Amino acid sequence: QSYKMINSGEGGFFLTDDPDMAAKCAVYAGAYEGLSGKHTTVPGLEHFRNLPVEIPNYSLRMSNLAAAVIRPQILTLEERIEKYNRRYNKLSAALIEKAGEHLSIPVNTPGVTTPVHDSIQFNLKSHFSEEQVQNFLKECHAHGLPVELFGARSNARNFINWGFAPTEEPLPLTAEMLSRACDCRMPLMWDDSDFDDMANVICESIHAALDEN
């Protein structure tokens, strides 16, 4: 996951002739939301079944080699945080200016002094229907910008997928909020001007989705 703040690769080695055990290890290691399809040595999808929602994703990826790769990245951490946050502030301001009546952006939790905005989250407002939300996502993808929906059935952050920590009762308000909560990565390797394009794509996709109905 090279877009993370500190990245050491996936790493690790596991040898087995048991496809069910291999599938479990892949999920434990972090193969959620269909990411197992990116691996070349895991068993077929039939062995994964509902594992991604039945067992937790521990994201266990560390070794001496990984640590050696990580240590130099710590030296540039503050520089990269400043770059992420500067871009985030500009992007969020542009979104509010151009489409503030249609979306809201969460504020930092009180007491947080050093946020790291390597992605942007925003909520489409309540006047969006489910169809309009989907049309918005399709418009963004059509313009080459992947925007994820936290409330999507396949999203690992959606509580309905937490079979390892099930809720004791329905959570309708949480489900309603997630149904319009969006997430978009802000790749560090992009140029500053690319985030102007990102703002334009998001805003134009919002208006296109609303105009279709």
Protein backbone atom coordinates (compact mmCIF):
# COMPACT_ATOMS: atom_id res chain seq x y z
CA GLN A 1 0.00 0.00 0.00
CA SER A 2 2.41 2.61 -1.28
CA TYR A 3 0.05 5.52 -0.55
CA LYS A 4 0.46 5.11 3.23
CA MET A 5 2.42 7.67 5.25
CA ILE A 6 5.08 5.07 6.12
CA ASN A 7 5.36 2.15 3.73
CA SER A 8 7.51 -0.97 3.95
CA GLY A 9 5.78 -3.14 1.38
CA GLU A 10 3.54 -6.08 2.12
CA GLY A 11 6.32 -8.59 2.86
CA GLY A 12 6.15 -11.92 4.67
CA PHE A 13 6.35 -15.60 3.65
CA PHE A 14 3.87 -18.38 4.32
CA LEU A 15 3.98 -21.89 2.83
CA THR A 16 1.00 -24.24 2.93
CA ASP A 17 -0.90 -26.68 0.73
CA ASP A 18 -4.16 -25.93 2.58
CA PRO A 19 -6.15 -23.42 0.47
CA ASP A 20 -8.53 -22.56 3.33
CA MET A 21 -5.63 -21.76 5.65
CA ALA A 22 -3.97 -19.70 2.90
CA ALA A 23 -7.18 -17.71 2.41
CA LYS A 24 -7.45 -17.01 6.15
CA CYS A 25 -3.83 -15.84 6.33
CA ALA A 26 -4.37 -13.50 3.38
CA VAL A 27 -7.39 -11.92 5.11
CA TYR A 28 -5.62 -11.65 8.47
CA ALA A 29 -2.68 -9.97 6.73
CA GLY A 30 -4.90 -7.34 5.14
CA ALA A 31 -6.59 -8.71 1.98
CA TYR A 32 -9.92 -6.93 2.51
CA GLU A 33 -12.41 -5.53 -0.03
CA GLY A 34 -11.35 -8.01 -2.71
CA LEU A 35 -7.65 -7.12 -2.45
CA SER A 36 -6.88 -10.85 -2.52
CA GLY A 37 -7.37 -10.63 -6.28
CA LYS A 38 -4.13 -8.65 -6.52
CA HIS A 39 -2.12 -11.55 -5.12
CA THR A 40 -0.68 -14.11 -7.53
CA THR A 41 -0.34 -17.07 -5.15
CA VAL A 42 -3.56 -17.11 -3.09
CA PRO A 43 -6.25 -19.75 -3.69
CA GLY A 44 -9.40 -19.09 -5.68
CA LEU A 45 -12.19 -16.81 -4.48
CA GLU A 46 -14.28 -19.84 -3.49
CA HIS A 47 -11.93 -20.38 -0.53
CA PHE A 48 -12.44 -16.84 0.76
CA ARG A 49 -16.23 -17.09 0.96
CA ASN A 50 -17.30 -14.64 3.74
CA LEU A 51 -13.93 -14.60 5.50
CA PRO A 52 -13.40 -10.81 5.07
CA VAL A 53 -16.47 -10.14 7.25
CA GLU A 54 -16.02 -13.08 9.64
CA ILE A 55 -12.43 -12.56 10.78
CA PRO A 56 -10.51 -9.33 11.47
CA ASN A 57 -7.89 -7.71 9.25
CA TYR A 58 -4.84 -7.30 11.48
CA SER A 59 -2.61 -5.76 8.81
CA LEU A 60 0.35 -7.72 10.19
CA ARG A 61 3.33 -6.71 8.09
CA MET A 62 6.63 -6.24 9.92
CA SER A 63 10.12 -7.70 9.89
CA ASN A 64 13.68 -6.48 10.42
CA LEU A 65 13.89 -5.79 6.71
CA ALA A 66 10.64 -3.83 6.78
CA ALA A 67 11.91 -1.84 9.75
CA ALA A 68 15.10 -1.01 7.87
CA VAL A 69 13.00 0.34 5.02
CA ILE A 70 10.81 2.35 7.39
CA ARG A 71 13.50 4.12 9.41
CA PRO A 72 14.69 6.53 6.66
CA GLN A 73 11.08 7.52 5.98
CA ILE A 74 10.72 8.82 9.53
CA LEU A 75 13.27 11.52 8.71
CA THR A 76 10.97 13.01 6.04
CA LEU A 77 7.72 12.53 7.96
CA GLU A 78 7.28 16.17 9.03
CA GLU A 79 8.00 17.41 5.51
CA ARG A 80 5.39 15.08 4.04
CA ILE A 81 2.81 15.94 6.70
CA GLU A 82 3.21 19.62 5.88
CA LYS A 83 2.74 18.90 2.18
CA TYR A 84 -0.35 16.73 2.75
CA ASN A 85 -1.98 19.27 5.06
CA ARG A 86 -1.24 22.26 2.81
CA ARG A 87 -2.85 20.47 -0.13
CA TYR A 88 -5.79 19.32 2.00
CA ASN A 89 -6.52 22.82 3.26
CA LYS A 90 -6.53 24.19 -0.28
CA LEU A 91 -8.67 21.34 -1.61
CA SER A 92 -11.23 21.48 1.19
CA ALA A 93 -11.54 25.26 0.81
CA ALA A 94 -12.16 24.86 -2.93
CA LEU A 95 -14.84 22.21 -2.34
CA ILE A 96 -16.66 24.35 0.20
CA GLU A 97 -16.46 27.40 -2.07
CA LYS A 98 -17.73 25.59 -5.17
CA ALA A 99 -20.14 23.04 -3.69
CA GLY A 100 -20.58 23.86 -0.02
CA GLU A 101 -24.35 23.71 -0.30
CA HIS A 102 -24.11 20.06 -1.36
CA LEU A 103 -21.41 18.64 0.93
CA SER A 104 -19.86 18.99 4.35
CA ILE A 105 -16.31 18.23 5.47
CA PRO A 106 -15.69 16.89 8.99
CA VAL A 107 -13.73 19.17 11.31
CA ASN A 108 -10.76 17.93 13.32
CA THR A 109 -11.56 16.33 16.66
CA PRO A 110 -10.96 18.83 19.48
CA GLY A 111 -7.52 18.33 20.95
CA VAL A 112 -5.95 17.03 17.74
CA THR A 113 -2.97 19.30 17.13
CA THR A 114 -1.23 17.55 14.23
CA PRO A 115 -3.65 16.02 11.73
CA VAL A 116 -2.26 14.09 8.77
CA HIS A 117 -4.59 14.62 5.81
CA ASP A 118 -3.40 12.01 3.32
CA SER A 119 -6.99 11.64 2.12
CA ILE A 120 -10.15 13.72 2.17
CA GLN A 121 -13.53 12.66 3.52
CA PHE A 122 -16.77 14.50 2.93
CA ASN A 123 -20.47 13.87 3.33
CA LEU A 124 -22.96 14.54 0.59
CA LYS A 125 -25.91 16.35 2.14
CA SER A 126 -29.29 14.81 2.86
CA HIS A 127 -30.96 16.06 -0.32
CA PHE A 128 -29.00 13.43 -2.28
CA SER A 129 -31.01 10.33 -3.04
CA GLU A 130 -29.35 6.92 -3.14
CA GLU A 131 -29.46 7.04 -6.95
CA GLN A 132 -27.84 10.47 -7.00
CA VAL A 133 -25.06 9.27 -4.70
CA GLN A 134 -24.35 6.39 -7.08
CA ASN A 135 -24.45 8.71 -10.07
CA PHE A 136 -21.94 10.99 -8.34
CA LEU A 137 -19.55 8.08 -7.79
CA LYS A 138 -19.94 6.97 -11.41
CA GLU A 139 -19.22 10.49 -12.67
CA CYS A 140 -16.03 10.68 -10.60
CA HIS A 141 -14.84 7.29 -11.83
CA ALA A 142 -15.63 8.26 -15.41
CA HIS A 143 -13.24 11.18 -15.00
CA GLY A 144 -10.49 8.97 -13.60
CA LEU A 145 -11.00 9.84 -9.93
CA PRO A 146 -11.81 6.89 -7.65
CA VAL A 147 -14.10 8.04 -4.84
CA GLU A 148 -15.14 5.41 -2.31
CA LEU A 149 -18.37 5.27 -0.32
CA PHE A 150 -18.02 4.24 3.32
CA GLY A 151 -21.53 2.83 3.21
CA ALA A 152 -20.83 0.54 0.25
CA ARG A 153 -21.58 -3.12 0.93
CA SER A 154 -17.98 -4.02 0.03
CA ASN A 155 -16.29 -1.33 2.15
CA ALA A 156 -14.28 -2.79 5.03
CA ARG A 157 -15.06 0.30 7.15
CA ASN A 158 -18.80 -0.35 6.97
CA PHE A 159 -19.88 -1.85 10.30
CA ILE A 160 -22.15 -4.35 8.55
CA ASN A 161 -18.98 -6.12 7.43
CA TRP A 162 -17.67 -6.55 10.97
CA GLY A 163 -18.79 -10.13 11.48
CA PHE A 164 -16.01 -10.43 14.08
CA ALA A 165 -17.57 -7.58 16.12
CA PRO A 166 -21.31 -7.60 15.40
CA THR A 167 -23.61 -4.89 16.70
CA GLU A 168 -26.19 -5.90 19.28
CA GLU A 169 -28.90 -3.77 17.67
CA PRO A 170 -29.52 -1.90 14.40
CA LEU A 171 -27.69 1.39 13.91
CA PRO A 172 -29.94 3.32 11.51
CA LEU A 173 -28.37 6.74 12.11
CA THR A 174 -24.87 5.39 11.50
CA ALA A 175 -26.04 3.58 8.37
CA GLU A 176 -27.70 6.76 7.11
CA MET A 177 -24.55 8.79 7.66
CA LEU A 178 -22.35 6.19 5.93
CA SER A 179 -24.68 6.09 2.93
CA ARG A 180 -23.40 9.53 1.87
CA ALA A 181 -19.90 9.51 3.42
CA CYS A 182 -17.19 9.64 0.74
CA ASP A 183 -13.45 9.05 0.81
CA CYS A 184 -10.81 10.07 -1.73
CA ARG A 185 -7.05 9.55 -1.51
CA MET A 186 -4.62 12.41 -2.03
CA PRO A 187 -1.52 10.77 -3.58
CA LEU A 188 1.72 12.38 -2.46
CA MET A 189 3.34 11.94 -5.87
CA TRP A 190 0.73 14.15 -7.58
CA ASP A 191 1.55 17.72 -8.50
CA ASP A 192 -0.11 20.58 -6.61
CA SER A 193 -2.11 21.46 -9.73
CA ASP A 194 -3.62 17.97 -9.80
CA PHE A 195 -5.64 18.82 -6.72
CA ASP A 196 -7.25 21.72 -8.55
CA ASP A 197 -8.42 19.10 -11.05
CA MET A 198 -9.62 16.90 -8.19
CA ALA A 199 -11.75 19.72 -6.80
CA ASN A 200 -13.19 20.41 -10.25
CA VAL A 201 -14.02 16.74 -10.87
CA ILE A 202 -15.76 16.36 -7.50
CA CYS A 203 -17.77 19.54 -7.91
CA GLU A 204 -18.71 18.91 -11.53
CA SER A 205 -19.71 15.33 -10.66
CA ILE A 206 -21.94 16.61 -7.86
CA HIS A 207 -23.75 18.99 -10.20
CA ALA A 208 -24.01 16.35 -12.92
CA ALA A 209 -25.55 13.85 -10.48
CA LEU A 210 -28.11 16.39 -9.29
CA ASP A 211 -28.93 17.61 -12.80
CA GLU A 212 -29.69 14.05 -13.99
CA ASN A 213 -32.76 13.93 -11.79
